[in-house]
């Protein structure tokens, strides 16, 4: 029996996104997901991609014309390795990244400290849920904007055959130090996947 399927033939949500056998939570971000962000948000100054992996997101961020600083805790052959964003003293005008799922809350806390202008995290839309996050993050530092994807993002391990669509909804959570208080909920228009794939 194929354990990746439920009885009704659908993927089990916990197994759709395969485990990284090297231990780190690493799933390259499809280019179109980053294009959606930079087409709708302006970034003034350097952009720090603090979980750069193989550079998939950094390469799109470079199309903005901004200087991009790329670091990662692990050596994926791109950027500066062995750099722990959660324990870093570095600061930058902007931080943009797809954080490891198991460290998302830590990335929010660190991003609030290390980004001078804006920081944007690609997170599951369900990150909005949870009593603990309501108390520790959203009451004290809610995002300025939440950009919800109209199309599902599917994350694959590097080198995997890409087919099908994801089962999880994602959004860009943007904290903007120059924005007024409150959170604005926005939606990306459909078509980015076809345009940038």
N, C-alpha and C. Protein backbone atom coordinates (compact mmCIF):
# COMPACT_ATOMS: atom_id res chain seq x y z
N UNK A 1 0.84 -1.19 0.00
CA UNK A 1 0.00 0.00 0.00
C UNK A 1 0.88 1.25 0.00
N UNK A 2 0.51 2.25 -0.78
CA UNK A 2 1.26 3.51 -0.85
C UNK A 2 0.84 4.39 0.32
N UNK A 3 1.74 4.60 1.29
CA UNK A 3 1.41 5.33 2.51
C UNK A 3 1.31 6.83 2.30
N UNK A 4 1.62 7.32 1.11
CA UNK A 4 1.50 8.76 0.88
C UNK A 4 0.08 9.15 0.49
N UNK A 5 -0.82 8.17 0.35
CA UNK A 5 -2.18 8.48 -0.06
C UNK A 5 -3.18 8.12 1.02
N UNK A 6 -4.23 8.92 1.15
CA UNK A 6 -5.37 8.56 1.97
C UNK A 6 -6.24 7.58 1.21
N UNK A 7 -7.23 7.03 1.87
CA UNK A 7 -8.11 6.07 1.21
C UNK A 7 -8.86 6.69 0.05
N UNK A 8 -9.14 7.99 0.11
CA UNK A 8 -9.88 8.64 -0.97
C UNK A 8 -9.00 9.02 -2.15
N UNK A 9 -7.71 8.69 -2.09
CA UNK A 9 -6.80 8.95 -3.20
C UNK A 9 -6.05 10.25 -3.10
N UNK A 10 -6.35 11.09 -2.11
CA UNK A 10 -5.65 12.37 -1.97
C UNK A 10 -4.39 12.24 -1.15
N UNK A 11 -3.45 13.16 -1.36
CA UNK A 11 -2.23 13.18 -0.58
C UNK A 11 -2.54 13.48 0.88
N UNK A 12 -1.83 12.82 1.77
CA UNK A 12 -1.88 13.21 3.18
C UNK A 12 -1.13 14.53 3.31
N UNK A 13 -1.71 15.55 3.92
CA UNK A 13 -1.06 16.85 4.00
C UNK A 13 0.33 16.80 4.61
N UNK A 14 0.55 15.95 5.60
CA UNK A 14 1.85 15.91 6.25
C UNK A 14 2.91 15.27 5.39
N UNK A 15 2.50 14.54 4.36
CA UNK A 15 3.48 13.87 3.52
C UNK A 15 3.62 14.50 2.15
N UNK A 16 2.77 15.47 1.83
CA UNK A 16 2.86 16.12 0.52
C UNK A 16 4.20 16.83 0.38
N UNK A 17 4.64 17.47 1.46
CA UNK A 17 5.92 18.15 1.46
C UNK A 17 6.93 17.19 2.08
N UNK A 18 7.77 16.59 1.24
CA UNK A 18 8.66 15.52 1.67
C UNK A 18 9.70 15.99 2.67
N UNK A 19 10.08 15.11 3.55
CA UNK A 19 11.12 15.43 4.54
C UNK A 19 12.47 15.58 3.85
N UNK A 20 13.27 16.50 4.33
CA UNK A 20 14.63 16.69 3.84
C UNK A 20 15.51 15.67 4.56
N UNK A 21 16.03 14.73 3.83
CA UNK A 21 16.79 13.65 4.45
C UNK A 21 18.10 14.12 5.06
N UNK A 22 18.56 15.32 4.71
CA UNK A 22 19.78 15.87 5.32
C UNK A 22 19.49 16.58 6.63
N UNK A 23 18.25 16.63 7.06
CA UNK A 23 17.93 17.16 8.37
C UNK A 23 17.37 18.57 8.40
N UNK A 24 17.69 19.39 7.44
CA UNK A 24 17.19 20.78 7.45
C UNK A 24 15.86 20.86 6.70
N UNK A 25 15.08 21.86 7.02
CA UNK A 25 13.79 22.08 6.37
C UNK A 25 14.06 22.90 5.10
N UNK A 26 14.33 22.23 3.98
CA UNK A 26 14.76 22.93 2.76
C UNK A 26 13.89 22.56 1.57
N UNK A 27 13.15 23.54 1.09
CA UNK A 27 12.32 23.37 -0.09
C UNK A 27 12.44 24.66 -0.89
N UNK A 28 13.16 24.64 -2.03
CA UNK A 28 13.35 25.86 -2.81
C UNK A 28 12.01 26.52 -3.16
N UNK A 29 12.00 27.84 -3.11
CA UNK A 29 10.80 28.61 -3.40
C UNK A 29 10.66 28.78 -4.91
N UNK A 30 9.52 28.41 -5.48
CA UNK A 30 9.32 28.64 -6.91
C UNK A 30 9.48 30.12 -7.24
N UNK A 31 10.15 30.42 -8.33
CA UNK A 31 10.44 31.81 -8.70
C UNK A 31 9.19 32.67 -8.77
N UNK A 32 8.09 32.12 -9.27
CA UNK A 32 6.89 32.93 -9.45
C UNK A 32 6.35 33.46 -8.12
N UNK A 33 6.57 32.73 -7.03
CA UNK A 33 6.08 33.18 -5.73
C UNK A 33 6.83 34.43 -5.25
N UNK A 34 8.11 34.52 -5.57
CA UNK A 34 8.89 35.70 -5.21
C UNK A 34 8.58 36.86 -6.15
N UNK A 35 8.38 36.56 -7.43
CA UNK A 35 7.99 37.61 -8.39
C UNK A 35 6.69 38.28 -7.95
N UNK A 36 5.75 37.51 -7.42
CA UNK A 36 4.49 38.10 -6.97
C UNK A 36 4.75 39.14 -5.88
N UNK A 37 5.67 38.84 -4.98
CA UNK A 37 5.99 39.80 -3.92
C UNK A 37 6.61 41.06 -4.48
N UNK A 38 7.68 40.92 -5.27
CA UNK A 38 8.42 42.11 -5.72
C UNK A 38 7.64 42.92 -6.76
N UNK A 39 6.64 42.33 -7.38
CA UNK A 39 5.77 43.08 -8.28
C UNK A 39 4.78 43.96 -7.50
N UNK A 40 4.58 43.66 -6.23
CA UNK A 40 3.57 44.36 -5.45
C UNK A 40 4.10 45.11 -4.23
N UNK A 41 5.35 44.88 -3.87
CA UNK A 41 5.97 45.57 -2.74
C UNK A 41 7.28 46.18 -3.21
N UNK A 42 7.51 47.45 -2.86
CA UNK A 42 8.78 48.10 -3.17
C UNK A 42 9.72 47.99 -1.97
N UNK A 43 10.99 47.76 -2.26
CA UNK A 43 12.00 47.66 -1.21
C UNK A 43 13.07 48.70 -1.47
N UNK A 44 13.31 49.55 -0.49
CA UNK A 44 14.32 50.60 -0.61
C UNK A 44 15.56 50.17 0.17
N UNK A 45 16.66 49.99 -0.54
CA UNK A 45 17.91 49.58 0.12
C UNK A 45 18.19 48.11 -0.05
N UNK A 46 19.25 47.65 0.61
CA UNK A 46 19.67 46.26 0.52
C UNK A 46 18.55 45.32 0.98
N UNK A 47 18.55 44.12 0.39
CA UNK A 47 17.63 43.07 0.80
C UNK A 47 18.45 41.89 1.30
N UNK A 48 18.16 41.44 2.49
CA UNK A 48 18.85 40.28 3.07
C UNK A 48 17.94 39.08 2.94
N UNK A 49 18.38 38.08 2.17
CA UNK A 49 17.69 36.80 2.09
C UNK A 49 18.39 35.90 3.09
N UNK A 50 17.76 35.67 4.25
CA UNK A 50 18.45 35.08 5.39
C UNK A 50 18.30 33.56 5.53
N UNK A 51 17.62 32.93 4.58
CA UNK A 51 17.55 31.47 4.52
C UNK A 51 17.59 31.10 3.04
N UNK A 52 18.70 31.47 2.39
CA UNK A 52 18.76 31.52 0.92
C UNK A 52 18.80 30.17 0.24
N UNK A 53 19.13 29.10 0.95
CA UNK A 53 19.16 27.80 0.31
C UNK A 53 20.03 27.77 -0.92
N UNK A 54 19.45 27.40 -2.06
CA UNK A 54 20.21 27.31 -3.31
C UNK A 54 20.15 28.60 -4.12
N UNK A 55 19.61 29.67 -3.54
CA UNK A 55 19.58 30.96 -4.22
C UNK A 55 18.35 31.23 -5.06
N UNK A 56 17.36 30.34 -5.03
CA UNK A 56 16.17 30.50 -5.88
C UNK A 56 15.48 31.84 -5.64
N UNK A 57 15.32 32.23 -4.38
CA UNK A 57 14.66 33.50 -4.08
C UNK A 57 15.60 34.67 -4.31
N UNK A 58 16.86 34.52 -3.93
CA UNK A 58 17.84 35.60 -4.09
C UNK A 58 17.94 36.04 -5.54
N UNK A 59 17.92 35.09 -6.46
CA UNK A 59 18.06 35.43 -7.88
C UNK A 59 16.89 36.27 -8.38
N UNK A 60 15.69 36.02 -7.86
CA UNK A 60 14.55 36.86 -8.23
C UNK A 60 14.67 38.22 -7.58
N UNK A 61 15.08 38.26 -6.31
CA UNK A 61 15.23 39.54 -5.61
C UNK A 61 16.25 40.45 -6.32
N UNK A 62 17.26 39.87 -6.94
CA UNK A 62 18.27 40.65 -7.66
C UNK A 62 17.68 41.39 -8.85
N UNK A 63 16.56 40.91 -9.38
CA UNK A 63 15.93 41.58 -10.52
C UNK A 63 15.35 42.93 -10.14
N UNK A 64 15.24 43.21 -8.83
CA UNK A 64 14.73 44.51 -8.38
C UNK A 64 15.77 45.62 -8.55
N UNK A 65 17.03 45.23 -8.75
CA UNK A 65 18.12 46.20 -8.82
C UNK A 65 18.72 46.52 -7.46
N UNK A 66 18.14 45.98 -6.39
CA UNK A 66 18.68 46.18 -5.05
C UNK A 66 19.84 45.22 -4.82
N UNK A 67 20.77 45.62 -3.97
CA UNK A 67 21.82 44.72 -3.54
C UNK A 67 21.20 43.64 -2.67
N UNK A 68 21.52 42.37 -2.93
CA UNK A 68 20.95 41.25 -2.18
C UNK A 68 22.07 40.55 -1.41
N UNK A 69 21.87 40.41 -0.11
CA UNK A 69 22.79 39.69 0.77
C UNK A 69 22.16 38.33 1.02
N UNK A 70 22.88 37.26 0.72
CA UNK A 70 22.32 35.91 0.84
C UNK A 70 23.09 35.11 1.88
N UNK A 71 22.37 34.60 2.89
CA UNK A 71 22.99 33.78 3.93
C UNK A 71 22.08 32.59 4.23
N UNK A 72 22.68 31.58 4.85
CA UNK A 72 21.91 30.41 5.27
C UNK A 72 22.67 29.71 6.39
N UNK A 73 21.95 29.01 7.21
CA UNK A 73 22.57 28.21 8.26
C UNK A 73 23.34 27.04 7.65
N UNK A 74 22.85 26.51 6.53
CA UNK A 74 23.45 25.36 5.87
C UNK A 74 24.12 25.76 4.57
N UNK A 75 25.07 24.97 4.13
CA UNK A 75 25.76 25.22 2.87
C UNK A 75 25.01 24.52 1.74
N UNK A 76 24.29 25.29 0.96
CA UNK A 76 23.55 24.76 -0.19
C UNK A 76 24.21 25.18 -1.50
N UNK A 77 25.45 25.69 -1.40
CA UNK A 77 26.18 26.08 -2.59
C UNK A 77 25.88 27.49 -3.05
N UNK A 78 25.24 28.30 -2.18
CA UNK A 78 24.90 29.67 -2.58
C UNK A 78 25.00 30.55 -1.35
N UNK A 79 25.55 31.73 -1.52
CA UNK A 79 25.60 32.70 -0.42
C UNK A 79 26.57 32.31 0.68
N UNK A 80 26.40 32.97 1.80
CA UNK A 80 27.26 32.78 2.98
C UNK A 80 26.63 31.71 3.87
N UNK A 81 27.35 30.61 4.08
CA UNK A 81 26.84 29.50 4.90
C UNK A 81 27.22 29.69 6.37
N UNK A 82 26.66 28.84 7.20
CA UNK A 82 26.92 28.85 8.65
C UNK A 82 26.52 30.17 9.30
N UNK A 83 25.49 30.80 8.77
CA UNK A 83 25.02 32.07 9.33
C UNK A 83 23.62 31.85 9.91
N UNK A 84 23.52 31.93 11.23
CA UNK A 84 22.27 31.68 11.93
C UNK A 84 21.50 32.98 12.09
N UNK A 85 20.44 33.16 11.33
CA UNK A 85 19.64 34.37 11.38
C UNK A 85 19.07 34.62 12.78
N UNK A 86 18.74 33.56 13.49
CA UNK A 86 18.13 33.70 14.81
C UNK A 86 19.13 34.19 15.86
N UNK A 87 20.41 34.09 15.55
CA UNK A 87 21.44 34.48 16.51
C UNK A 87 22.42 35.49 15.89
N UNK A 88 21.95 36.24 14.91
CA UNK A 88 22.83 37.14 14.17
C UNK A 88 22.77 38.55 14.74
N UNK A 89 23.87 39.26 14.63
CA UNK A 89 23.90 40.67 15.00
C UNK A 89 23.75 41.59 13.80
N UNK A 90 23.69 41.00 12.62
CA UNK A 90 23.59 41.78 11.38
C UNK A 90 22.22 42.44 11.28
N UNK A 91 22.19 43.61 10.66
CA UNK A 91 20.95 44.31 10.35
C UNK A 91 20.97 44.67 8.87
N UNK A 92 19.79 44.93 8.31
CA UNK A 92 19.69 45.31 6.90
C UNK A 92 18.42 46.14 6.72
N UNK A 93 18.39 46.96 5.68
CA UNK A 93 17.16 47.72 5.43
C UNK A 93 15.93 46.81 5.28
N UNK A 94 16.12 45.68 4.60
CA UNK A 94 15.01 44.76 4.33
C UNK A 94 15.44 43.32 4.52
N UNK A 95 14.52 42.50 4.99
CA UNK A 95 14.73 41.05 5.08
C UNK A 95 13.57 40.39 4.35
N UNK A 96 13.90 39.49 3.42
CA UNK A 96 12.88 38.75 2.66
C UNK A 96 13.31 37.30 2.62
N UNK A 97 12.45 36.38 3.08
CA UNK A 97 12.84 34.97 3.06
C UNK A 97 11.65 34.05 3.21
N UNK A 98 11.88 32.80 2.91
CA UNK A 98 10.95 31.70 3.18
C UNK A 98 11.59 30.93 4.33
N UNK A 99 11.17 31.18 5.57
CA UNK A 99 11.86 30.58 6.71
C UNK A 99 11.57 29.10 6.83
N UNK A 100 12.45 28.37 7.51
CA UNK A 100 12.13 26.97 7.82
C UNK A 100 10.82 26.93 8.61
N UNK A 101 9.96 26.00 8.25
CA UNK A 101 8.64 25.94 8.89
C UNK A 101 8.74 25.84 10.41
N UNK A 102 9.71 25.06 10.88
CA UNK A 102 9.81 24.84 12.32
C UNK A 102 10.46 26.01 13.06
N UNK A 103 10.84 27.07 12.35
CA UNK A 103 11.47 28.22 13.00
C UNK A 103 10.76 29.53 12.63
N UNK A 104 9.55 29.45 12.12
CA UNK A 104 8.86 30.64 11.61
C UNK A 104 8.68 31.71 12.68
N UNK A 105 8.27 31.33 13.87
CA UNK A 105 8.04 32.33 14.91
C UNK A 105 9.34 33.01 15.32
N UNK A 106 10.42 32.25 15.38
CA UNK A 106 11.73 32.85 15.67
C UNK A 106 12.16 33.82 14.59
N UNK A 107 11.85 33.50 13.32
CA UNK A 107 12.19 34.40 12.23
C UNK A 107 11.40 35.70 12.32
N UNK A 108 10.15 35.63 12.78
CA UNK A 108 9.38 36.86 12.96
C UNK A 108 10.05 37.73 14.02
N UNK A 109 10.38 37.15 15.16
CA UNK A 109 11.01 37.93 16.24
C UNK A 109 12.34 38.52 15.78
N UNK A 110 13.15 37.73 15.10
CA UNK A 110 14.45 38.22 14.62
C UNK A 110 14.28 39.27 13.53
N UNK A 111 13.31 39.06 12.65
CA UNK A 111 13.08 40.02 11.58
C UNK A 111 12.67 41.38 12.10
N UNK A 112 11.86 41.40 13.15
CA UNK A 112 11.46 42.67 13.76
C UNK A 112 12.67 43.45 14.26
N UNK A 113 13.68 42.73 14.73
CA UNK A 113 14.89 43.37 15.25
C UNK A 113 15.88 43.73 14.16
N UNK A 114 15.98 42.92 13.12
CA UNK A 114 17.08 43.06 12.16
C UNK A 114 16.73 43.84 10.90
N UNK A 115 15.43 43.99 10.60
CA UNK A 115 15.03 44.75 9.40
C UNK A 115 14.73 46.19 9.79
N UNK A 116 15.37 47.13 9.09
CA UNK A 116 15.18 48.54 9.40
C UNK A 116 13.93 49.12 8.72
N UNK A 117 13.59 48.63 7.53
CA UNK A 117 12.44 49.15 6.78
C UNK A 117 11.30 48.15 6.69
N UNK A 118 11.57 47.03 6.02
CA UNK A 118 10.55 46.02 5.79
C UNK A 118 11.13 44.63 5.99
N UNK A 119 10.28 43.73 6.42
CA UNK A 119 10.65 42.34 6.25
C UNK A 119 9.42 41.54 5.85
N UNK A 120 9.67 40.56 4.98
CA UNK A 120 8.59 39.77 4.39
C UNK A 120 8.92 38.30 4.53
N UNK A 121 7.97 37.55 5.06
CA UNK A 121 8.15 36.12 5.24
C UNK A 121 7.07 35.37 4.47
N UNK A 122 7.48 34.36 3.73
CA UNK A 122 6.54 33.48 3.03
C UNK A 122 6.13 32.40 4.02
N UNK A 123 4.87 32.41 4.43
CA UNK A 123 4.39 31.51 5.47
C UNK A 123 3.07 30.88 5.06
N UNK A 124 2.74 29.78 5.71
CA UNK A 124 1.42 29.20 5.52
C UNK A 124 0.39 30.21 5.97
N UNK A 125 -0.71 30.29 5.27
CA UNK A 125 -1.77 31.21 5.65
C UNK A 125 -2.28 30.90 7.05
N UNK A 126 -2.21 29.63 7.43
CA UNK A 126 -2.65 29.21 8.76
C UNK A 126 -1.78 29.79 9.87
N UNK A 127 -0.67 30.44 9.53
CA UNK A 127 0.15 31.11 10.53
C UNK A 127 -0.67 32.18 11.27
N UNK A 128 -1.73 32.66 10.63
CA UNK A 128 -2.62 33.64 11.27
C UNK A 128 -3.34 33.06 12.48
N UNK A 129 -3.44 31.73 12.53
CA UNK A 129 -4.15 31.08 13.61
C UNK A 129 -3.25 30.89 14.82
N UNK A 130 -3.85 30.59 15.94
CA UNK A 130 -3.11 30.17 17.12
C UNK A 130 -3.12 31.19 18.24
N UNK A 131 -3.51 30.74 19.43
CA UNK A 131 -3.59 31.62 20.59
C UNK A 131 -2.22 32.14 20.99
N UNK A 132 -1.20 31.29 20.90
CA UNK A 132 0.14 31.73 21.30
C UNK A 132 0.65 32.84 20.38
N UNK A 133 0.50 32.66 19.05
CA UNK A 133 0.94 33.71 18.12
C UNK A 133 0.13 34.99 18.30
N UNK A 134 -1.15 34.84 18.64
CA UNK A 134 -1.97 36.03 18.88
C UNK A 134 -1.40 36.82 20.06
N UNK A 135 -0.99 36.12 21.10
CA UNK A 135 -0.46 36.78 22.29
C UNK A 135 0.95 37.31 22.08
N UNK A 136 1.80 36.53 21.42
CA UNK A 136 3.23 36.87 21.37
C UNK A 136 3.63 37.69 20.15
N UNK A 137 2.90 37.58 19.05
CA UNK A 137 3.28 38.29 17.82
C UNK A 137 2.22 39.30 17.41
N UNK A 138 1.02 38.83 17.16
CA UNK A 138 0.03 39.68 16.49
C UNK A 138 -0.53 40.79 17.37
N UNK A 139 -0.53 40.62 18.67
CA UNK A 139 -0.99 41.70 19.55
C UNK A 139 0.02 42.83 19.59
N UNK A 140 1.30 42.49 19.61
CA UNK A 140 2.36 43.49 19.77
C UNK A 140 2.95 43.97 18.45
N UNK A 141 3.00 43.09 17.45
CA UNK A 141 3.63 43.47 16.17
C UNK A 141 2.92 42.77 15.01
N UNK A 142 1.69 43.17 14.71
CA UNK A 142 0.99 42.54 13.59
C UNK A 142 1.63 42.94 12.26
N UNK A 143 1.54 42.08 11.25
CA UNK A 143 2.07 42.46 9.94
C UNK A 143 1.29 43.63 9.37
N UNK A 144 1.94 44.42 8.54
CA UNK A 144 1.28 45.55 7.88
C UNK A 144 0.36 45.07 6.77
N UNK A 145 0.83 44.06 6.04
CA UNK A 145 0.04 43.51 4.95
C UNK A 145 0.22 42.00 4.91
N UNK A 146 -0.84 41.31 4.55
CA UNK A 146 -0.79 39.87 4.28
C UNK A 146 -1.28 39.68 2.85
N UNK A 147 -0.37 39.22 1.98
CA UNK A 147 -0.68 39.00 0.57
C UNK A 147 -1.00 37.52 0.37
N UNK A 148 -2.25 37.22 0.13
CA UNK A 148 -2.70 35.84 -0.04
C UNK A 148 -2.57 35.43 -1.50
N UNK A 149 -2.03 34.24 -1.73
CA UNK A 149 -1.91 33.73 -3.10
C UNK A 149 -3.25 33.22 -3.59
N UNK A 150 -3.59 33.59 -4.82
CA UNK A 150 -4.80 33.08 -5.48
C UNK A 150 -4.54 31.71 -6.09
N UNK A 151 -3.26 31.36 -6.23
CA UNK A 151 -2.86 30.06 -6.78
C UNK A 151 -2.05 29.34 -5.71
N UNK A 152 -2.16 28.03 -5.66
CA UNK A 152 -1.44 27.26 -4.66
C UNK A 152 0.03 27.09 -5.06
N UNK A 153 0.90 27.22 -4.07
CA UNK A 153 2.33 26.97 -4.27
C UNK A 153 2.59 25.52 -3.90
N UNK A 154 3.35 24.83 -4.74
CA UNK A 154 3.79 23.48 -4.41
C UNK A 154 5.30 23.51 -4.24
N UNK A 155 5.77 23.06 -3.09
CA UNK A 155 7.20 23.02 -2.80
C UNK A 155 7.71 21.61 -3.04
N UNK A 156 8.83 21.52 -3.75
CA UNK A 156 9.44 20.23 -4.05
C UNK A 156 10.89 20.24 -3.57
N UNK A 157 11.39 19.09 -3.14
CA UNK A 157 12.83 19.01 -2.88
C UNK A 157 13.59 19.28 -4.18
N UNK A 158 14.80 19.80 -4.08
CA UNK A 158 15.61 20.08 -5.28
C UNK A 158 15.74 18.81 -6.12
N UNK A 159 15.50 18.95 -7.42
CA UNK A 159 15.66 17.83 -8.34
C UNK A 159 14.44 16.95 -8.49
N UNK A 160 13.39 17.17 -7.71
CA UNK A 160 12.19 16.34 -7.79
C UNK A 160 11.39 16.68 -9.04
N UNK A 161 10.66 15.70 -9.56
CA UNK A 161 9.76 15.93 -10.68
C UNK A 161 8.58 16.75 -10.18
N UNK A 162 8.29 17.85 -10.87
CA UNK A 162 7.24 18.75 -10.43
C UNK A 162 5.96 18.47 -11.19
N UNK A 163 4.93 18.07 -10.43
CA UNK A 163 3.62 17.83 -11.03
C UNK A 163 2.57 17.98 -9.94
N UNK A 164 1.37 18.30 -10.34
CA UNK A 164 0.29 18.46 -9.38
C UNK A 164 0.32 19.84 -8.74
N UNK A 165 -0.57 20.02 -7.77
CA UNK A 165 -0.65 21.29 -7.06
C UNK A 165 -0.62 21.03 -5.57
N UNK A 166 -0.23 22.05 -4.82
CA UNK A 166 -0.14 21.94 -3.38
C UNK A 166 -1.50 21.91 -2.72
N UNK A 167 -1.50 21.48 -1.46
CA UNK A 167 -2.74 21.40 -0.69
C UNK A 167 -2.79 22.46 0.40
N UNK A 168 -1.76 23.27 0.50
CA UNK A 168 -1.65 24.26 1.58
C UNK A 168 -1.69 25.66 1.00
N UNK A 169 -2.43 26.54 1.66
CA UNK A 169 -2.49 27.95 1.24
C UNK A 169 -1.33 28.72 1.87
N UNK A 170 -0.69 29.58 1.08
CA UNK A 170 0.44 30.39 1.54
C UNK A 170 0.16 31.86 1.32
N UNK A 171 0.92 32.69 2.04
CA UNK A 171 0.81 34.14 1.89
C UNK A 171 2.15 34.77 2.23
N UNK A 172 2.38 35.96 1.70
CA UNK A 172 3.51 36.78 2.12
C UNK A 172 3.03 37.67 3.26
N UNK A 173 3.70 37.56 4.40
CA UNK A 173 3.44 38.42 5.55
C UNK A 173 4.48 39.52 5.53
N UNK A 174 4.04 40.77 5.44
CA UNK A 174 4.97 41.90 5.28
C UNK A 174 4.83 42.84 6.47
N UNK A 175 5.94 43.04 7.17
CA UNK A 175 6.02 44.04 8.24
C UNK A 175 6.73 45.26 7.67
N UNK A 176 6.06 46.40 7.68
CA UNK A 176 6.57 47.63 7.09
C UNK A 176 6.65 48.68 8.19
N UNK A 177 7.89 49.08 8.53
CA UNK A 177 8.08 50.01 9.65
C UNK A 177 7.46 51.38 9.37
N UNK A 178 7.20 51.71 8.09
CA UNK A 178 6.63 53.01 7.74
C UNK A 178 5.12 52.99 7.59
N UNK A 179 4.50 51.83 7.74
CA UNK A 179 3.05 51.72 7.55
C UNK A 179 2.31 52.12 8.82
N UNK A 180 1.07 52.52 8.65
CA UNK A 180 0.24 52.82 9.82
C UNK A 180 -0.14 51.51 10.50
N UNK A 181 -0.68 51.61 11.70
CA UNK A 181 -1.00 50.40 12.45
C UNK A 181 -2.15 49.65 11.80
N UNK A 182 -2.27 48.41 12.17
CA UNK A 182 -3.31 47.56 11.59
C UNK A 182 -2.76 46.70 10.48
N UNK A 183 -3.53 45.70 10.09
CA UNK A 183 -3.12 44.75 9.06
C UNK A 183 -4.07 44.84 7.88
N UNK A 184 -3.48 44.99 6.70
CA UNK A 184 -4.27 45.04 5.47
C UNK A 184 -4.19 43.67 4.80
N UNK A 185 -5.33 43.10 4.49
CA UNK A 185 -5.40 41.81 3.82
C UNK A 185 -5.58 42.04 2.33
N UNK A 186 -4.66 41.46 1.52
CA UNK A 186 -4.68 41.67 0.07
C UNK A 186 -4.54 40.31 -0.62
N UNK A 187 -4.88 40.27 -1.90
CA UNK A 187 -4.77 39.05 -2.69
C UNK A 187 -3.95 39.32 -3.94
N UNK A 188 -3.04 38.40 -4.26
CA UNK A 188 -2.34 38.47 -5.53
C UNK A 188 -3.31 38.07 -6.64
N UNK A 189 -3.25 38.78 -7.75
CA UNK A 189 -4.09 38.39 -8.88
C UNK A 189 -3.58 37.07 -9.44
N UNK A 190 -4.46 36.24 -9.98
CA UNK A 190 -4.03 34.96 -10.58
C UNK A 190 -3.15 35.23 -11.81
N UNK A 191 -2.29 34.28 -12.13
CA UNK A 191 -1.50 34.36 -13.35
C UNK A 191 0.00 34.35 -13.13
N UNK A 192 0.47 34.56 -11.90
CA UNK A 192 1.92 34.59 -11.68
C UNK A 192 2.57 33.24 -11.99
N UNK A 193 1.88 32.18 -11.66
CA UNK A 193 2.45 30.85 -11.89
C UNK A 193 2.73 30.63 -13.37
N UNK A 194 1.78 30.99 -14.22
CA UNK A 194 1.94 30.82 -15.67
C UNK A 194 2.96 31.80 -16.22
N UNK A 195 2.98 33.02 -15.69
CA UNK A 195 3.85 34.07 -16.22
C UNK A 195 5.32 33.81 -15.94
N UNK A 196 5.63 33.26 -14.78
CA UNK A 196 7.04 33.13 -14.36
C UNK A 196 7.52 31.69 -14.24
N UNK A 197 6.77 30.73 -14.75
CA UNK A 197 7.20 29.33 -14.68
C UNK A 197 7.83 28.92 -15.99
